[in-house]
C-alpha atoms as a PDB file:
ATOM      1  CA  MET A   1     -48.558 -48.960  49.105  1.00  0.00           C
ATOM      2  CA  LYS A   2     -50.527 -45.250  50.076  1.00  0.00           C
ATOM      3  CA  LYS A   3     -50.289 -42.687  48.136  1.00  0.00           C
ATOM      4  CA  HIS A   4     -47.987 -40.789  50.236  1.00  0.00           C
ATOM      5  CA  ASP A   5     -45.382 -43.138  50.686  1.00  0.00           C
ATOM      6  CA  LEU A   6     -45.249 -43.517  46.971  1.00  0.00           C
ATOM      7  CA  MET A   7     -44.738 -39.667  46.830  1.00  0.00           C
ATOM      8  CA  VAL A   8     -42.034 -39.833  49.269  1.00  0.00           C
ATOM      9  CA  ASN A   9     -40.372 -42.674  47.829  1.00  0.00           C
ATOM     10  CA  LEU A  10     -40.257 -40.612  44.635  1.00  0.00           C
ATOM     11  CA  PHE A  11     -39.190 -37.558  45.994  1.00  0.00           C
ATOM     12  CA  PHE A  12     -36.258 -39.391  47.974  1.00  0.00           C
ATOM     13  CA  LEU A  13     -34.991 -41.195  44.632  1.00  0.00           C
ATOM     14  CA  LEU A  14     -35.213 -38.362  42.607  1.00  0.00           C
ATOM     15  CA  THR A  15     -32.967 -36.423  45.581  1.00  0.00           C
ATOM     16  CA  ILE A  16     -30.346 -39.318  45.046  1.00  0.00           C
ATOM     17  CA  VAL A  17     -30.092 -38.849  41.538  1.00  0.00           C
ATOM     18  CA  LEU A  18     -29.698 -35.044  41.317  1.00  0.00           C
ATOM     19  CA  ALA A  19     -26.647 -35.533  43.934  1.00  0.00           C
ATOM     20  CA  ILE A  20     -25.322 -38.356  41.772  1.00  0.00           C
ATOM     21  CA  VAL A  21     -25.564 -35.807  38.889  1.00  0.00           C
ATOM     22  CA  PHE A  22     -24.141 -32.701  40.952  1.00  0.00           C
ATOM     23  CA  PHE A  23     -21.337 -34.782  41.829  1.00  0.00           C
ATOM     24  CA  ILE A  24     -20.473 -35.903  38.693  1.00  0.00           C
ATOM     25  CA  PHE A  25     -20.215 -32.422  37.254  1.00  0.00           C
ATOM     26  CA  SER A  26     -18.577 -30.885  40.344  1.00  0.00           C
ATOM     27  CA  LYS A  27     -15.594 -33.408  40.536  1.00  0.00           C
ATOM     28  CA  GLU A  28     -13.107 -35.219  38.113  1.00  0.00           C
ATOM     29  CA  ILE A  29     -14.731 -39.049  38.095  1.00  0.00           C
ATOM     30  CA  VAL A  30     -13.449 -41.759  35.967  1.00  0.00           C
ATOM     31  CA  PHE A  31     -15.327 -44.611  34.841  1.00  0.00           C
ATOM     32  CA  SER A  32     -13.629 -47.620  33.938  1.00  0.00           C
ATOM     33  CA  SER A  33     -14.203 -51.012  32.314  1.00  0.00           C
ATOM     34  CA  ASP A  34     -12.400 -53.066  30.029  1.00  0.00           C
ATOM     35  CA  SER A  35     -13.177 -51.329  26.864  1.00  0.00           C
ATOM     36  CA  VAL A  36     -13.953 -48.082  27.946  1.00  0.00           C
ATOM     37  CA  VAL A  37     -12.687 -44.857  30.204  1.00  0.00           C
ATOM     38  CA  THR A  38     -14.385 -41.463  30.682  1.00  0.00           C
ATOM     39  CA  THR A  39     -13.204 -38.443  32.149  1.00  0.00           C
ATOM     40  CA  VAL A  40     -15.550 -35.544  32.965  1.00  0.00           C
ATOM     41  CA  GLN A  41     -14.158 -32.259  34.271  1.00  0.00           C
ATOM     42  CA  ILE A  42     -15.168 -28.663  34.982  1.00  0.00           C
ATOM     43  CA  SER A  43     -12.832 -26.395  33.800  1.00  0.00           C
ATOM     44  CA  VAL A  44     -12.293 -22.217  34.442  1.00  0.00           C
ATOM     45  CA  CYS A  45     -11.367 -20.193  31.878  1.00  0.00           C
ATOM     46  CA  GLY A  46      -9.063 -17.379  33.219  1.00  0.00           C
ATOM     47  CA  ASN A  47      -7.777 -18.942  36.627  1.00  0.00           C
ATOM     48  CA  GLY A  48      -4.419 -19.312  34.992  1.00  0.00           C
ATOM     49  CA  VAL A  49      -4.330 -22.777  35.112  1.00  0.00           C
ATOM     50  CA  LYS A  50      -4.581 -24.993  31.718  1.00  0.00           C
ATOM     51  CA  GLU A  51      -7.644 -27.259  32.290  1.00  0.00           C
ATOM     52  CA  GLY A  52     -10.029 -29.930  30.386  1.00  0.00           C
ATOM     53  CA  GLY A  53     -11.071 -28.582  27.099  1.00  0.00           C
ATOM     54  CA  GLU A  54      -9.093 -25.317  27.150  1.00  0.00           C
ATOM     55  CA  ASP A  55      -6.283 -25.054  24.445  1.00  0.00           C
ATOM     56  CA  CYS A  56      -4.300 -22.466  26.944  1.00  0.00           C
ATOM     57  CA  ASP A  57      -5.141 -20.511  29.933  1.00  0.00           C
ATOM     58  CA  THR A  58      -3.316 -16.960  30.094  1.00  0.00           C
ATOM     59  CA  ASN A  59       0.317 -18.114  29.751  1.00  0.00           C
ATOM     60  CA  ASP A  60      -0.217 -21.914  30.392  1.00  0.00           C
ATOM     61  CA  PHE A  61       0.084 -23.870  27.180  1.00  0.00           C
ATOM     62  CA  GLY A  62       0.748 -27.085  28.776  1.00  0.00           C
ATOM     63  CA  GLY A  63       4.283 -27.243  27.378  1.00  0.00           C
ATOM     64  CA  VAL A  64       2.697 -26.299  23.879  1.00  0.00           C
ATOM     65  CA  SER A  65       4.804 -23.542  21.482  1.00  0.00           C
ATOM     66  CA  CYS A  66       4.895 -22.236  17.870  1.00  0.00           C
ATOM     67  CA  THR A  67       7.096 -24.805  16.981  1.00  0.00           C
ATOM     68  CA  SER A  68       5.257 -27.518  18.549  1.00  0.00           C
ATOM     69  CA  LEU A  69       2.308 -26.526  16.595  1.00  0.00           C
ATOM     70  CA  GLY A  70       4.274 -26.907  13.328  1.00  0.00           C
ATOM     71  CA  TYR A  71       5.427 -23.563  12.678  1.00  0.00           C
ATOM     72  CA  THR A  72       9.177 -22.545  12.443  1.00  0.00           C
ATOM     73  CA  SER A  73       9.331 -19.847  15.395  1.00  0.00           C
ATOM     74  CA  GLY A  74       7.130 -17.435  16.663  1.00  0.00           C
ATOM     75  CA  THR A  75       5.176 -16.427  19.858  1.00  0.00           C
ATOM     76  CA  LEU A  76       2.409 -18.715  20.904  1.00  0.00           C
ATOM     77  CA  THR A  77      -0.352 -16.635  23.215  1.00  0.00           C
ATOM     78  CA  CYS A  78      -3.922 -17.271  24.542  1.00  0.00           C
ATOM     79  CA  ASP A  79      -6.712 -15.336  23.989  1.00  0.00           C
ATOM     80  CA  ALA A  80      -9.714 -14.596  26.508  1.00  0.00           C
ATOM     81  CA  ALA A  81     -11.541 -17.818  25.340  1.00  0.00           C
ATOM     82  CA  CYS A  82      -8.704 -20.284  25.855  1.00  0.00           C
ATOM     83  CA  ASP A  83      -8.116 -20.719  22.529  1.00  0.00           C
ATOM     84  CA  TYR A  84      -4.364 -20.801  20.870  1.00  0.00           C
ATOM     85  CA  VAL A  85      -3.462 -17.543  19.113  1.00  0.00           C
ATOM     86  CA  THR A  86      -1.200 -18.317  16.338  1.00  0.00           C
ATOM     87  CA  SER A  87      -1.043 -14.969  14.485  1.00  0.00           C
ATOM     88  CA  ALA A  88       2.615 -14.244  15.897  1.00  0.00           C
ATOM     89  CA  CYS A  89       4.016 -17.965  14.901  1.00  0.00           C
ATOM     90  CA  ILE A  90       6.271 -17.700  11.816  1.00  0.00           C
ATOM     91  CA  TYR A  91       6.633 -20.658   9.416  1.00  0.00           C
ATOM     92  CA  THR A  92       9.101 -20.847   6.737  1.00  0.00           C
ATOM     93  CA  ALA A  93       8.414 -23.723   4.027  1.00  0.00           C
ATOM     94  CA  PRO A  94      11.471 -25.108   2.526  1.00  0.00           C
ATOM     95  CA  VAL A  95      11.946 -25.228  -0.955  1.00  0.00           C
ATOM     96  CA  ILE A  96      13.875 -28.337  -2.441  1.00  0.00           C
ATOM     97  CA  ILE A  97      16.606 -27.580  -5.134  1.00  0.00           C
ATOM     98  CA  GLY A  98      18.194 -30.537  -6.844  1.00  0.00           C
ATOM     99  CA  GLY A  99      18.715 -33.793  -5.002  1.00  0.00           C
ATOM    100  CA  GLY A 100      17.999 -35.760  -8.084  1.00  0.00           C
ATOM    101  CA  GLY A 101      21.005 -38.102  -9.254  1.00  0.00           C
ATOM    102  CA  GLY A 102      22.490 -38.804  -5.894  1.00  0.00           C
ATOM    103  CA  GLY A 103      22.961 -35.024  -5.460  1.00  0.00           C
ATOM    104  CA  SER A 104      23.085 -33.172  -2.541  1.00  0.00           C
ATOM    105  CA  THR A 105      19.108 -31.338  -1.526  1.00  0.00           C
ATOM    106  CA  VAL A 106      19.842 -27.604  -0.733  1.00  0.00           C
ATOM    107  CA  LEU A 107      16.538 -25.966   1.356  1.00  0.00           C
ATOM    108  CA  LEU A 108      15.413 -22.480   0.949  1.00  0.00           C
ATOM    109  CA  PRO A 109      12.744 -20.185   2.394  1.00  0.00           C
ATOM    110  CA  THR A 110      10.104 -19.137   0.583  1.00  0.00           C
ATOM    111  CA  VAL A 111       9.967 -15.684  -0.122  1.00  0.00           C
ATOM    112  CA  THR A 112       7.465 -13.035   0.845  1.00  0.00           C
ATOM    113  CA  GLY A 113       6.965  -9.878  -1.591  1.00  0.00           C
ATOM    114  CA  VAL A 114       5.281  -7.982  -4.066  1.00  0.00           C
ATOM    115  CA  SER A 115       5.773  -7.112  -7.816  1.00  0.00           C
ATOM    116  CA  PHE A 116       4.404  -4.136  -9.597  1.00  0.00           C
ATOM    117  CA  SER A 117       4.570  -4.106 -13.712  1.00  0.00           C
ATOM    118  CA  GLY A 118       2.555  -1.043 -15.660  1.00  0.00           C
ATOM    119  CA  LYS A 119       3.611   2.034 -17.995  1.00  0.00           C
ATOM    120  CA  ALA A 120       5.747   5.070 -17.475  1.00  0.00           C
ATOM    121  CA  TYR A 121       7.330   6.905 -19.823  1.00  0.00           C
ATOM    122  CA  PRO A 122      10.477   5.637 -22.342  1.00  0.00           C
ATOM    123  CA  SER A 123      13.668   5.214 -20.048  1.00  0.00           C
ATOM    124  CA  SER A 124      12.122   7.259 -16.676  1.00  0.00           C
ATOM    125  CA  GLU A 125      12.820   6.398 -13.524  1.00  0.00           C
ATOM    126  CA  VAL A 126      10.004   4.919 -11.707  1.00  0.00           C
ATOM    127  CA  THR A 127       9.779   5.329  -7.409  1.00  0.00           C
ATOM    128  CA  VAL A 128       8.158   2.863  -5.262  1.00  0.00           C
ATOM    129  CA  LEU A 129       6.822   4.432  -2.005  1.00  0.00           C
ATOM    130  CA  LYS A 130       6.040   1.591   0.900  1.00  0.00           C
ATOM    131  CA  ASP A 131       3.576   3.603   3.462  1.00  0.00           C
ATOM    132  CA  GLY A 132       5.430   7.078   2.370  1.00  0.00           C
ATOM    133  CA  GLN A 133       8.565   6.023   2.132  1.00  0.00           C
ATOM    134  CA  ILE A 134      10.893   5.191  -0.645  1.00  0.00           C
ATOM    135  CA  ILE A 135      11.943   1.684  -0.783  1.00  0.00           C
ATOM    136  CA  SER A 136      12.761   1.006  -4.201  1.00  0.00           C
ATOM    137  CA  MET A 137      13.547   2.702  -7.668  1.00  0.00           C
ATOM    138  CA  THR A 138      13.537   1.213 -11.490  1.00  0.00           C
ATOM    139  CA  MET A 139      14.575   2.335 -14.669  1.00  0.00           C
ATOM    140  CA  ALA A 140      11.185   1.932 -17.432  1.00  0.00           C
ATOM    141  CA  GLY A 141      12.087   0.406 -20.568  1.00  0.00           C
ATOM    142  CA  PRO A 142      11.951   2.155 -24.549  1.00  0.00           C
ATOM    143  CA  ASP A 143       8.732   1.141 -24.862  1.00  0.00           C
ATOM    144  CA  ALA A 144       7.795   2.680 -20.941  1.00  0.00           C
ATOM    145  CA  ASN A 145       7.042  -1.026 -19.604  1.00  0.00           C
ATOM    146  CA  PHE A 146       8.573  -1.577 -16.009  1.00  0.00           C
ATOM    147  CA  LEU A 147       8.578  -4.387 -13.482  1.00  0.00           C
ATOM    148  CA  VAL A 148      10.036  -3.879 -10.042  1.00  0.00           C
ATOM    149  CA  SER A 149      10.159  -6.427  -7.546  1.00  0.00           C
ATOM    150  CA  LEU A 150      10.140  -6.265  -3.436  1.00  0.00           C
ATOM    151  CA  SER A 151      11.034  -8.999  -1.641  1.00  0.00           C
ATOM    152  CA  ASN A 152      11.616 -10.354   2.002  1.00  0.00           C
ATOM    153  CA  ILE A 153       8.728  -8.028   3.005  1.00  0.00           C
ATOM    154  CA  SER A 154       6.309  -8.815   5.963  1.00  0.00           C
ATOM    155  CA  ALA A 155       3.009 -10.075   5.635  1.00  0.00           C
ATOM    156  CA  GLY A 156       0.484  -7.785   6.039  1.00  0.00           C
ATOM    157  CA  ASN A 157      -1.405  -4.485   4.856  1.00  0.00           C
ATOM    158  CA  TYR A 158       0.690  -1.992   2.847  1.00  0.00           C
ATOM    159  CA  ILE A 159      -0.284   1.833   1.199  1.00  0.00           C
ATOM    160  CA  PHE A 160       2.432   1.485  -1.947  1.00  0.00           C
ATOM    161  CA  ALA A 161       2.804   4.430  -4.398  1.00  0.00           C
ATOM    162  CA  LEU A 162       4.407   4.831  -7.667  1.00  0.00           C
ATOM    163  CA  TYR A 163       5.607   7.901  -9.390  1.00  0.00           C
ATOM    164  CA  THR A 164       7.867   8.602 -12.589  1.00  0.00           C
ATOM    165  CA  GLU A 165       9.774  11.481 -13.722  1.00  0.00           C
ATOM    166  CA  ASP A 166       9.867  12.747 -17.818  1.00  0.00           C
ATOM    167  CA  SER A 167      12.890  13.957 -19.260  1.00  0.00           C
ATOM    168  CA  GLN A 168      12.382  17.582 -18.130  1.00  0.00           C
ATOM    169  CA  GLY A 169      12.190  16.793 -14.577  1.00  0.00           C
ATOM    170  CA  LEU A 170       8.363  16.927 -14.017  1.00  0.00           C
ATOM    171  CA  ARG A 171       7.005  14.588 -11.995  1.00  0.00           C
ATOM    172  CA  SER A 172       3.649  12.110 -12.357  1.00  0.00           C
ATOM    173  CA  SER A 173       0.677  12.478 -10.073  1.00  0.00           C
ATOM    174  CA  LEU A 174       1.045   9.392  -7.304  1.00  0.00           C
ATOM    175  CA  PHE A 175      -0.601   6.293  -8.342  1.00  0.00           C
ATOM    176  CA  THR A 176      -1.562   4.847  -4.951  1.00  0.00           C
ATOM    177  CA  PHE A 177      -3.015   1.717  -3.677  1.00  0.00           C
ATOM    178  CA  GLN A 178      -3.702  -0.761  -0.564  1.00  0.00           C
ATOM    179  CA  VAL A 179      -2.227  -4.153  -1.075  1.00  0.00           C
ATOM    180  CA  TYR A 180      -2.049  -7.285   1.336  1.00  0.00           C
ATOM    181  CA  VAL A 181       0.838  -8.743   1.032  1.00  0.00           C
ATOM    182  CA  THR A 182       0.424 -13.039   1.814  1.00  0.00           C
ATOM    183  CA  PHE A 183       2.974 -14.831   3.803  1.00  0.00           C
ATOM    184  CA  GLY A 184       5.179 -17.156   1.400  1.00  0.00           C
ATOM    185  CA  ALA A 185       3.863 -15.625  -1.905  1.00  0.00           C
ATOM    186  CA  ILE A 186       4.541 -12.824  -4.271  1.00  0.00           C
ATOM    187  CA  SER A 187       1.628 -10.752  -4.506  1.00  0.00           C
ATOM    188  CA  THR A 188       1.548  -9.297  -8.239  1.00  0.00           C
ATOM    189  CA  VAL A 189       0.126  -5.802  -9.165  1.00  0.00           C
ATOM    190  CA  SER A 190      -0.092  -5.055 -12.919  1.00  0.00           C
ATOM    191  CA  GLY A 191      -1.341  -3.214 -15.601  1.00  0.00           C
ATOM    192  CA  ILE A 192      -0.374  -0.062 -13.816  1.00  0.00           C
ATOM    193  CA  PHE A 193      -0.635   3.223 -15.807  1.00  0.00           C
ATOM    194  CA  LEU A 194       1.315   6.211 -14.628  1.00  0.00           C
ATOM    195  CA  SER A 195      -0.261   9.717 -15.311  1.00  0.00           C
ATOM    196  CA  PRO A 196       1.525  11.977 -18.138  1.00  0.00           C
ATOM    197  CA  THR A 197       3.416  14.937 -16.863  1.00  0.00           C
ATOM    198  CA  ILE A 198       2.012  18.260 -17.986  1.00  0.00           C
ATOM    199  CA  THR A 199       2.726  21.863 -17.329  1.00  0.00           C
ATOM    200  CA  ALA A 200       2.228  24.916 -19.811  1.00  0.00           C
ATOM    201  CA  ASP A 201       4.611  27.403 -21.165  1.00  0.00           C
ATOM    202  CA  LYS A 202       3.163  30.590 -19.229  1.00  0.00           C
ATOM    203  CA  VAL A 203       1.668  31.456 -16.003  1.00  0.00           C
ATOM    204  CA  GLU A 204      -0.006  34.274 -17.598  1.00  0.00           C
ATOM    205  CA  VAL A 205      -1.291  34.361 -21.309  1.00  0.00           C
ATOM    206  CA  LYS A 206      -2.772  37.407 -22.989  1.00  0.00           C
ATOM    207  CA  LYS A 207      -6.423  36.687 -23.627  1.00  0.00           C
ATOM    208  CA  GLY A 208      -6.638  35.479 -27.474  1.00  0.00           C
ATOM    209  CA  ASP A 209      -3.184  34.044 -27.503  1.00  0.00           C
ATOM    210  CA  ASN A 210      -2.072  30.614 -27.671  1.00  0.00           C
ATOM    211  CA  LEU A 211      -1.097  29.024 -24.489  1.00  0.00           C
ATOM    212  CA  ALA A 212       1.010  25.756 -24.742  1.00  0.00           C
ATOM    213  CA  ILE A 213       0.364  22.729 -22.777  1.00  0.00           C
ATOM    214  CA  PHE A 214       2.649  20.025 -22.824  1.00  0.00           C
ATOM    215  CA  GLY A 215       4.026  16.998 -21.139  1.00  0.00           C
ATOM    216  CA  GLN A 216       5.194  13.359 -21.870  1.00  0.00           C
ATOM    217  CA  THR A 217       3.780   9.957 -21.226  1.00  0.00           C
ATOM    218  CA  THR A 218       3.773   6.422 -23.223  1.00  0.00           C
ATOM    219  CA  PRO A 219       4.611   6.955 -26.621  1.00  0.00           C
ATOM    220  CA  ASN A 220       2.332   6.335 -29.743  1.00  0.00           C
ATOM    221  CA  SER A 221      -0.876   7.163 -27.604  1.00  0.00           C
ATOM    222  CA  GLN A 222      -3.444   9.242 -27.452  1.00  0.00           C
ATOM    223  CA  VAL A 223      -3.745  12.278 -24.642  1.00  0.00           C
ATOM    224  CA  SER A 224      -6.638  14.216 -23.356  1.00  0.00           C
ATOM    225  CA  ILE A 225      -6.391  17.574 -22.032  1.00  0.00           C
ATOM    226  CA  LEU A 226      -9.111  19.341 -19.756  1.00  0.00           C
ATOM    227  CA  VAL A 227      -8.899  22.955 -19.524  1.00  0.00           C
ATOM    228  CA  ASN A 228     -11.090  23.821 -16.338  1.00  0.00           C
ATOM    229  CA  SER A 229     -13.006  27.248 -16.811  1.00  0.00           C
ATOM    230  CA  SER A 230     -16.621  28.041 -16.173  1.00  0.00           C
ATOM    231  CA  GLN A 231     -17.278  25.711 -18.743  1.00  0.00           C
ATOM    232  CA  ASP A 232     -15.051  23.051 -19.411  1.00  0.00           C
ATOM    233  CA  PHE A 233     -12.832  22.366 -22.611  1.00  0.00           C
ATOM    234  CA  PHE A 234     -11.607  19.628 -23.828  1.00  0.00           C
ATOM    235  CA  ALA A 235      -8.156  18.873 -26.631  1.00  0.00           C
ATOM    236  CA  SER A 236      -6.469  15.778 -27.560  1.00  0.00           C
ATOM    237  CA  ALA A 237      -2.701  15.162 -28.909  1.00  0.00           C
ATOM    238  CA  SER A 238      -0.818  12.630 -29.978  1.00  0.00           C
ATOM    239  CA  THR A 239       2.297  11.285 -28.422  1.00  0.00           C
ATOM    240  CA  ASP A 240       5.386  10.671 -31.112  1.00  0.00           C
ATOM    241  CA  GLU A 241       7.559   7.753 -29.949  1.00  0.00           C
ATOM    242  CA  SER A 242       9.505   9.517 -26.879  1.00  0.00           C
ATOM    243  CA  GLY A 243       5.780   9.758 -25.267  1.00  0.00           C
ATOM    244  CA  ALA A 244       6.076  13.557 -25.896  1.00  0.00           C
ATOM    245  CA  TYR A 245       3.052  15.700 -26.736  1.00  0.00           C
ATOM    246  CA  LEU A 246       2.077  19.292 -27.379  1.00  0.00           C
ATOM    247  CA  TYR A 247      -1.399  21.280 -27.640  1.00  0.00           C
ATOM    248  CA  ASN A 248      -1.600  25.030 -28.212  1.00  0.00           C
ATOM    249  CA  PHE A 249      -4.865  25.908 -26.728  1.00  0.00           C
ATOM    250  CA  ASP A 250      -6.377  29.215 -28.095  1.00  0.00           C
ATOM    251  CA  THR A 251      -7.040  30.983 -25.049  1.00  0.00           C
ATOM    252  CA  SER A 252      -9.783  33.522 -26.951  1.00  0.00           C
ATOM    253  CA  VAL A 253     -12.745  31.122 -25.763  1.00  0.00           C
ATOM    254  CA  LEU A 254     -11.735  31.445 -21.606  1.00  0.00           C
ATOM    255  CA  GLU A 255     -12.736  34.833 -19.571  1.00  0.00           C
ATOM    256  CA  GLU A 256     -10.105  36.297 -17.671  1.00  0.00           C
ATOM    257  CA  GLY A 257      -8.787  35.182 -14.168  1.00  0.00           C
ATOM    258  CA  ASP A 258      -7.476  31.996 -12.996  1.00  0.00           C
ATOM    259  CA  HIS A 259      -8.073  28.460 -14.936  1.00  0.00           C
ATOM    260  CA  SER A 260      -6.238  25.389 -14.610  1.00  0.00           C
ATOM    261  CA  THR A 261      -5.234  22.660 -17.234  1.00  0.00           C
ATOM    262  CA  LYS A 262      -4.882  18.631 -16.633  1.00  0.00           C
ATOM    263  CA  SER A 263      -4.492  15.426 -18.899  1.00  0.00           C
ATOM    264  CA  LYS A 264      -4.507  11.783 -19.262  1.00  0.00           C
ATOM    265  CA  VAL A 265      -3.702   9.383 -21.471  1.00  0.00           C
ATOM    266  CA  THR A 266      -5.477   6.691 -23.545  1.00  0.00           C
ATOM    267  CA  LEU A 267      -3.583   3.527 -25.364  1.00  0.00           C
ATOM    268  CA  ASN A 268      -5.081   0.029 -26.300  1.00  0.00           C
ATOM    269  CA  SER A 269      -8.454   0.485 -24.177  1.00  0.00           C
ATOM    270  CA  ALA A 270      -6.570   1.560 -21.251  1.00  0.00           C
ATOM    271  CA  THR A 271      -6.633   4.915 -19.577  1.00  0.00           C
ATOM    272  CA  SER A 272      -4.291   6.283 -17.242  1.00  0.00           C
ATOM    273  CA  ASN A 273      -5.586   8.717 -14.117  1.00  0.00           C
ATOM    274  CA  TYR A 274      -5.311  12.529 -14.726  1.00  0.00           C
ATOM    275  CA  SER A 275      -2.167  14.385 -14.304  1.00  0.00           C
ATOM    276  CA  THR A 276      -1.977  16.883 -11.590  1.00  0.00           C
ATOM    277  CA  ALA A 277      -3.423  20.230 -12.698  1.00  0.00           C
ATOM    278  CA  VAL A 278      -1.591  23.293 -13.667  1.00  0.00           C
ATOM    279  CA  GLY A 279      -2.601  26.651 -12.796  1.00  0.00           C
ATOM    280  CA  PHE A 280      -2.332  29.354 -15.329  1.00  0.00           C
ATOM    281  CA  LEU A 281      -4.030  33.216 -15.297  1.00  0.00           C
ATOM    282  CA  VAL A 282      -6.005  34.446 -18.524  1.00  0.00           C
ATOM    283  CA  GLY A 283      -5.005  38.310 -18.568  1.00  0.00           C
ATOM    284  CA  ASP A 284      -3.704  41.378 -20.494  1.00  0.00           C
ATOM    285  CA  LYS A 285      -0.093  40.199 -20.742  1.00  0.00           C
ATOM    286  CA  ASN A 286       2.272  36.874 -21.380  1.00  0.00           C
ATOM    287  CA  VAL A 287       4.452  36.236 -18.644  1.00  0.00           C
ATOM    288  CA  SER A 288       6.445  32.994 -19.156  1.00  0.00           C
ATOM    289  CA  ARG A 289       6.744  29.914 -16.812  1.00  0.00           C
ATOM    290  CA  GLN A 290       9.830  29.280 -14.947  1.00  0.00           C
ATOM    291  CA  PRO A 291      11.401  25.621 -14.545  1.00  0.00           C
ATOM    292  CA  GLY A 292      10.162  23.966 -11.913  1.00  0.00           C
ATOM    293  CA  ALA A 293       6.936  25.938 -11.597  1.00  0.00           C
ATOM    294  CA  ASP A 294       5.267  23.112 -12.926  1.00  0.00           C
ATOM    295  CA  CYS A 295       2.388  22.216 -10.413  1.00  0.00           C
ATOM    296  CA  GLY A 296       1.637  25.545  -7.980  1.00  0.00           C
ATOM    297  CA  ASN A 297       3.542  27.757  -6.027  1.00  0.00           C
ATOM    298  CA  LEU A 298       3.522  25.859  -2.876  1.00  0.00           C
ATOM    299  CA  ARG A 299       7.248  25.277  -2.031  1.00  0.00           C
ATOM    300  CA  GLY A 300       8.052  22.086  -0.780  1.00  0.00           C
ATOM    301  CA  ASP A 301       5.203  20.263  -2.550  1.00  0.00           C
ATOM    302  CA  ILE A 302       7.636  17.727  -4.175  1.00  0.00           C
ATOM    303  CA  ASN A 303       4.990  15.436  -5.479  1.00  0.00           C
ATOM    304  CA  CYS A 304       2.694  18.227  -6.896  1.00  0.00           C
ATOM    305  CA  ASP A 305      -0.179  16.877  -4.921  1.00  0.00           C
ATOM    306  CA  GLY A 306      -1.211  20.375  -3.409  1.00  0.00           C
ATOM    307  CA  LYS A 307       0.092  18.928  -0.105  1.00  0.00           C
ATOM    308  CA  VAL A 308       3.406  19.311   1.885  1.00  0.00           C
ATOM    309  CA  ASN A 309       3.479  16.477   4.202  1.00  0.00           C
ATOM    310  CA  LEU A 310       5.474  13.018   5.032  1.00  0.00           C
ATOM    311  CA  VAL A 311       5.736  12.085   1.241  1.00  0.00           C
ATOM    312  CA  ASP A 312       7.590  14.902   0.299  1.00  0.00           C
ATOM    313  CA  PHE A 313       9.535  14.669   3.442  1.00  0.00           C
ATOM    314  CA  SER A 314      10.043  11.306   2.241  1.00  0.00           C
ATOM    315  CA  ILE A 315      11.452  11.807  -1.143  1.00  0.00           C
ATOM    316  CA  ALA A 316      13.541  14.827  -0.036  1.00  0.00           C
ATOM    317  CA  ALA A 317      15.392  12.422   2.706  1.00  0.00           C
ATOM    318  CA  TYR A 318      16.007  10.154  -0.337  1.00  0.00           C
ATOM    319  CA  TRP A 319      18.129  12.850  -2.202  1.00  0.00           C
ATOM    320  CA  TYR A 320      20.102  14.448   0.896  1.00  0.00           C
ATOM    321  CA  ARG A 321      22.946  14.948   0.065  1.00  0.00           C
ATOM    322  CA  ARG A 322      23.204  13.344  -3.058  1.00  0.00           C
ATOM    323  CA  THR A 323      24.218  14.879  -6.034  1.00  0.00           C
ATOM    324  CA  ASN A 324      22.035  16.022  -9.147  1.00  0.00           C
ATOM    325  CA  PRO A 325      18.739  16.276  -7.037  1.00  0.00           C
ATOM    326  CA  PRO A 326      15.587  17.161  -9.413  1.00  0.00           C
ATOM    327  CA  ILE A 327      14.504  20.515  -9.572  1.00  0.00           C
ATOM    328  CA  ARG A 328      11.750  20.219  -7.158  1.00  0.00           C
ATOM    329  CA  VAL A 329      13.658  18.451  -4.613  1.00  0.00           C
ATOM    330  CA  ASP A 330      16.112  20.908  -4.467  1.00  0.00           C
ATOM    331  CA  ILE A 331      13.713  23.643  -3.193  1.00  0.00           C
ATOM    332  CA  ASN A 332      16.256  26.374  -2.582  1.00  0.00           C
ATOM    333  CA  GLY A 333      18.043  25.611  -5.769  1.00  0.00           C
ATOM    334  CA  ASP A 334      21.123  25.891  -4.378  1.00  0.00           C
ATOM    335  CA  GLY A 335      22.369  22.222  -6.284  1.00  0.00           C
ATOM    336  CA  GLN A 336      22.122  19.850  -3.126  1.00  0.00           C
ATOM    337  CA  VAL A 337      19.552  18.821  -0.321  1.00  0.00           C
ATOM    338  CA  SER A 338      20.169  19.885   2.837  1.00  0.00           C
ATOM    339  CA  LEU A 339      18.749  21.333   5.951  1.00  0.00           C
ATOM    340  CA  VAL A 340      17.466  24.385   4.013  1.00  0.00           C
ATOM    341  CA  ASP A 341      15.409  22.575   2.159  1.00  0.00           C
ATOM    342  CA  PHE A 342      13.827  20.711   5.287  1.00  0.00           C
ATOM    343  CA  SER A 343      13.479  23.869   6.746  1.00  0.00           C
ATOM    344  CA  ILE A 344      11.420  25.811   3.727  1.00  0.00           C
ATOM    345  CA  MET A 345       9.249  22.451   3.925  1.00  0.00           C
ATOM    346  CA  ALA A 346       8.764  22.491   7.260  1.00  0.00           C
ATOM    347  CA  TYR A 347       7.263  26.473   7.175  1.00  0.00           C
ATOM    348  CA  ASN A 348       5.176  24.979   4.226  1.00  0.00           C
ATOM    349  CA  TRP A 349       3.695  22.261   6.155  1.00  0.00           C
ATOM    350  CA  THR A 350       0.285  21.401   5.551  1.00  0.00           C
ATOM    351  CA  GLY A 351       0.284  17.616   6.577  1.00  0.00           C
END
């Protein structure tokens, strides 16, 4: 056979092979024998039709749903890669109670929630906020320990915050943290240590006179007090059985002008965050501090963080038309939380 004829035959054979391959991959072909059946099919994701190799396509799931995939309920969706998206599917696992000895079996859903525990002040009220909204309140025991559990919370990320209030109506700073709540489980946050309350007996103190710095925290603990000046000064005080502490600070070491003080507590090697700062003036006379003026002059700053925002609004909303609101919540001092208080808050709003 001539070389030219051989090349022509090879070219013709290659053309036939390529045609067969193209035909296989452009059509659905079923090859069958006694024991093997093979299907080859090209699918196009995004054409709205569920085809071979795709879980789904747009709204075509081929009859599959959350429940057929083993979930209790929910909505199945399809992503751009034509794969199932089950994030909106819900599964409630049963808990079997009883059933032994021929008794009936009760099926209960699992609980999704979060639990908080830590130290506040003896017999103080602890408030819990979720994403800036009050969702629960509990009482600490005589030993200042508290435990609060929240159930039936949807799984997801949340910003939680806790604060407490002492026997004089002074409020701790917010203890804020982020928690991811896992579906079907109780997420536990322990070791919370709320900061002390703090105030001073004067808004202005005559240079050289003592300034009484006091507040409340856990009992039988050690409080560190920081006085801010051009040079910071530190002092310490012990708390009694009720968690109260007092330190008389000699202002002769301070220059005249504005100053502030804050505190933190240590117990059994655990230390809280610093409290909110309380301002005072060193001058030529003594001016007593009025009740409720414990964390600055910004009216409406209920949680004493130097801002008037949604957290303060949430706290005020909780006390709306309730009896005996705390001093800082009753902004205009008429014995109730009303629209007047919200108006004052709006005027001083910082966001």
